[in-house]
Amino acid sequence: MKFSHKLVISSTLIATGAIAALSAVLYFNSYKDITTNVTHQMETDSVSMANHIGTWLQGKEKQIRMLRQGISQATNDEGIQNLIDLPLLKQEFSVTYVGLEDRPNLIINYPFNKKDYDARKRSWYKEARAKGDINIKKPYLDTKTQKLMFAI
């Protein structure tokens, strides 16, 4: 092989190696930038979503406090039922249940209205009773409706 051929092959290999090295550097730099940007955006979105959920839950808690106040002022079960039947509550809460200490199964607005249901045996009731205030539980999948729910 002539020297000129060796020179062309060597130059081609060097140029190909340089292009490959430059491509690798560009790839890794781009990968790093994209990963950093996506991570930052996900963190920002997560904080925003957490704030939104917190505000939403605070609104639900205020509605429950208002309902609790109305129930304490109701003079009979019909008055409590009228509060439960308010369109705003039906729109905002898929299930509305009221159980009082002396009547554990007063009202259930639920697809299966079990009369033998006793809230006093449920963990959410016991925790709220011990706390003496509203208690918000972790979300769970309802076994009957297959909807995501949480107890307040």
Protein backbone atom coordinates (compact mmCIF):
# COMPACT_ATOMS: atom_id res chain seq x y z
CA MET A 1 0.00 0.00 0.00
CA LYS A 2 1.29 3.38 -0.95
CA PHE A 3 2.11 6.04 1.56
CA SER A 4 -0.63 8.32 0.17
CA HIS A 5 -3.23 5.58 0.75
CA LYS A 6 -1.99 5.09 4.30
CA LEU A 7 -2.21 8.84 4.85
CA VAL A 8 -5.83 8.96 3.56
CA ILE A 9 -6.84 5.97 5.72
CA SER A 10 -5.13 7.45 8.79
CA SER A 11 -6.76 10.84 8.22
CA THR A 12 -10.16 9.18 7.77
CA LEU A 13 -9.77 7.16 10.96
CA ILE A 14 -8.67 10.23 12.93
CA ALA A 15 -11.59 12.29 11.55
CA THR A 16 -14.06 9.47 12.26
CA GLY A 17 -12.70 9.08 15.80
CA ALA A 18 -12.93 12.83 16.40
CA ILE A 19 -16.52 12.93 15.11
CA ALA A 20 -17.43 9.91 17.27
CA ALA A 21 -15.86 11.52 20.35
CA LEU A 22 -17.60 14.83 19.67
CA SER A 23 -20.91 13.02 19.14
CA ALA A 24 -20.49 11.17 22.46
CA VAL A 25 -19.71 14.41 24.30
CA LEU A 26 -22.75 16.12 22.75
CA TYR A 27 -24.96 13.13 23.55
CA PHE A 28 -23.92 12.96 27.21
CA ASN A 29 -24.17 16.73 27.65
CA SER A 30 -27.64 16.73 26.07
CA TYR A 31 -28.68 13.76 28.21
CA LYS A 32 -27.47 15.51 31.35
CA ASP A 33 -29.26 18.78 30.45
CA ILE A 34 -32.51 17.01 29.57
CA THR A 35 -32.40 14.91 32.76
CA THR A 36 -31.73 18.00 34.87
CA ASN A 37 -34.55 19.96 33.20
CA VAL A 38 -37.06 17.10 33.46
CA THR A 39 -36.17 16.48 37.11
CA HIS A 40 -36.54 20.16 37.93
CA GLN A 41 -39.87 20.38 36.09
CA MET A 42 -41.18 17.27 37.88
CA GLU A 43 -40.18 18.71 41.25
CA THR A 44 -41.86 22.02 40.41
CA ASP A 45 -45.01 20.25 39.19
CA SER A 46 -45.06 18.03 42.29
CA VAL A 47 -44.91 21.02 44.63
CA SER A 48 -47.61 22.78 42.65
CA MET A 49 -49.84 19.68 42.69
CA ALA A 50 -49.28 19.18 46.43
CA ASN A 51 -50.26 22.80 47.07
CA HIS A 52 -53.35 22.40 44.89
CA ILE A 53 -54.40 19.21 46.70
CA GLY A 54 -53.79 20.87 50.07
CA THR A 55 -55.99 23.81 49.13
CA TRP A 56 -58.67 21.44 47.80
CA LEU A 57 -58.61 19.43 51.03
CA GLN A 58 -58.86 22.60 53.11
CA GLY A 59 -62.00 23.50 51.17
CA LYS A 60 -63.48 20.06 51.84
CA GLU A 61 -62.59 20.38 55.51
CA LYS A 62 -64.41 23.73 55.70
CA GLN A 63 -67.48 22.17 54.11
CA ILE A 64 -67.38 19.34 56.67
CA ARG A 65 -67.01 21.82 59.54
CA MET A 66 -70.01 23.74 58.21
CA LEU A 67 -72.00 20.50 57.98
CA ARG A 68 -70.94 19.52 61.50
CA GLN A 69 -72.13 22.89 62.78
CA GLY A 70 -75.45 22.46 60.98
CA ILE A 71 -75.90 18.97 62.40
CA SER A 72 -75.24 20.21 65.92
CA GLN A 73 -77.99 22.81 65.46
CA ALA A 74 -80.50 20.41 63.84
CA THR A 75 -83.39 19.58 66.12
CA ASN A 76 -84.28 16.21 64.56
CA ASP A 77 -83.17 13.55 62.07
CA GLU A 78 -85.16 15.19 59.27
CA GLY A 79 -83.15 18.39 59.73
CA ILE A 80 -79.93 16.40 59.42
CA GLN A 81 -81.25 14.62 56.32
CA ASN A 82 -82.10 18.00 54.78
CA LEU A 83 -78.47 19.09 55.29
CA ILE A 84 -77.18 15.86 53.73
CA ASP A 85 -79.50 16.36 50.76
CA LEU A 86 -78.14 19.82 49.95
CA PRO A 87 -77.14 19.83 46.26
CA LEU A 88 -73.68 21.22 47.06
CA LEU A 89 -72.88 18.28 49.34
CA LYS A 90 -74.20 15.73 46.84
CA GLN A 91 -72.09 17.35 44.14
CA GLU A 92 -68.93 17.56 46.25
CA PHE A 93 -69.08 14.26 48.15
CA SER A 94 -69.89 10.93 46.53
CA VAL A 95 -70.73 9.43 49.91
CA THR A 96 -72.17 11.26 52.88
CA TYR A 97 -72.48 9.36 56.12
CA VAL A 98 -73.58 10.68 59.47
CA GLY A 99 -73.23 8.58 62.58
CA LEU A 100 -73.81 9.96 66.03
CA GLU A 101 -72.66 8.49 69.31
CA ASP A 102 -76.21 7.40 70.23
CA ARG A 103 -77.18 6.47 66.65
CA PRO A 104 -74.18 4.93 64.86
CA ASN A 105 -76.02 4.48 61.56
CA LEU A 106 -78.18 7.55 61.25
CA ILE A 107 -77.76 8.37 57.55
CA ILE A 108 -75.92 6.68 54.75
CA ASN A 109 -76.04 8.20 51.29
CA TYR A 110 -74.28 5.32 49.56
CA PRO A 111 -74.99 2.74 46.83
CA PHE A 112 -75.57 0.01 49.43
CA ASN A 113 -77.40 1.41 52.42
CA LYS A 114 -76.51 -1.12 55.12
CA LYS A 115 -78.58 -0.61 58.25
CA ASP A 116 -76.26 -2.80 60.35
CA TYR A 117 -73.22 -0.63 59.60
CA ASP A 118 -71.67 0.73 62.80
CA ALA A 119 -69.17 3.54 62.28
CA ARG A 120 -68.02 3.31 65.88
CA LYS A 121 -66.13 0.15 64.94
CA ARG A 122 -64.22 1.81 62.08
CA SER A 123 -60.69 3.14 62.54
CA TRP A 124 -61.53 6.55 61.06
CA TYR A 125 -64.34 7.04 63.57
CA LYS A 126 -62.22 5.98 66.54
CA GLU A 127 -59.34 8.25 65.46
CA ALA A 128 -61.60 11.27 64.92
CA ARG A 129 -63.32 10.63 68.25
CA ALA A 130 -59.99 10.39 70.08
CA LYS A 131 -58.71 13.50 68.31
CA GLY A 132 -61.93 15.40 69.00
CA ASP A 133 -61.79 16.93 65.54
CA ILE A 134 -61.94 16.17 61.86
CA ASN A 135 -59.58 13.41 60.81
CA ILE A 136 -58.53 12.98 57.18
CA LYS A 137 -57.47 9.46 56.22
CA LYS A 138 -55.25 8.33 53.35
CA PRO A 139 -56.99 7.72 50.01
CA TYR A 140 -58.21 4.17 49.34
CA LEU A 141 -60.01 2.26 46.58
CA ASP A 142 -63.64 1.66 47.49
CA THR A 143 -64.49 -2.02 47.15
CA LYS A 144 -68.06 -1.42 45.94
CA THR A 145 -67.69 1.52 43.55
CA GLN A 146 -64.00 1.03 42.60
CA LYS A 147 -63.52 4.79 43.02
CA LEU A 148 -60.67 6.46 44.84
CA MET A 149 -62.03 7.66 48.16
CA PHE A 150 -60.83 9.14 51.42
CA ALA A 151 -62.58 9.44 54.73
CA ILE A 152 -62.93 12.75 56.54
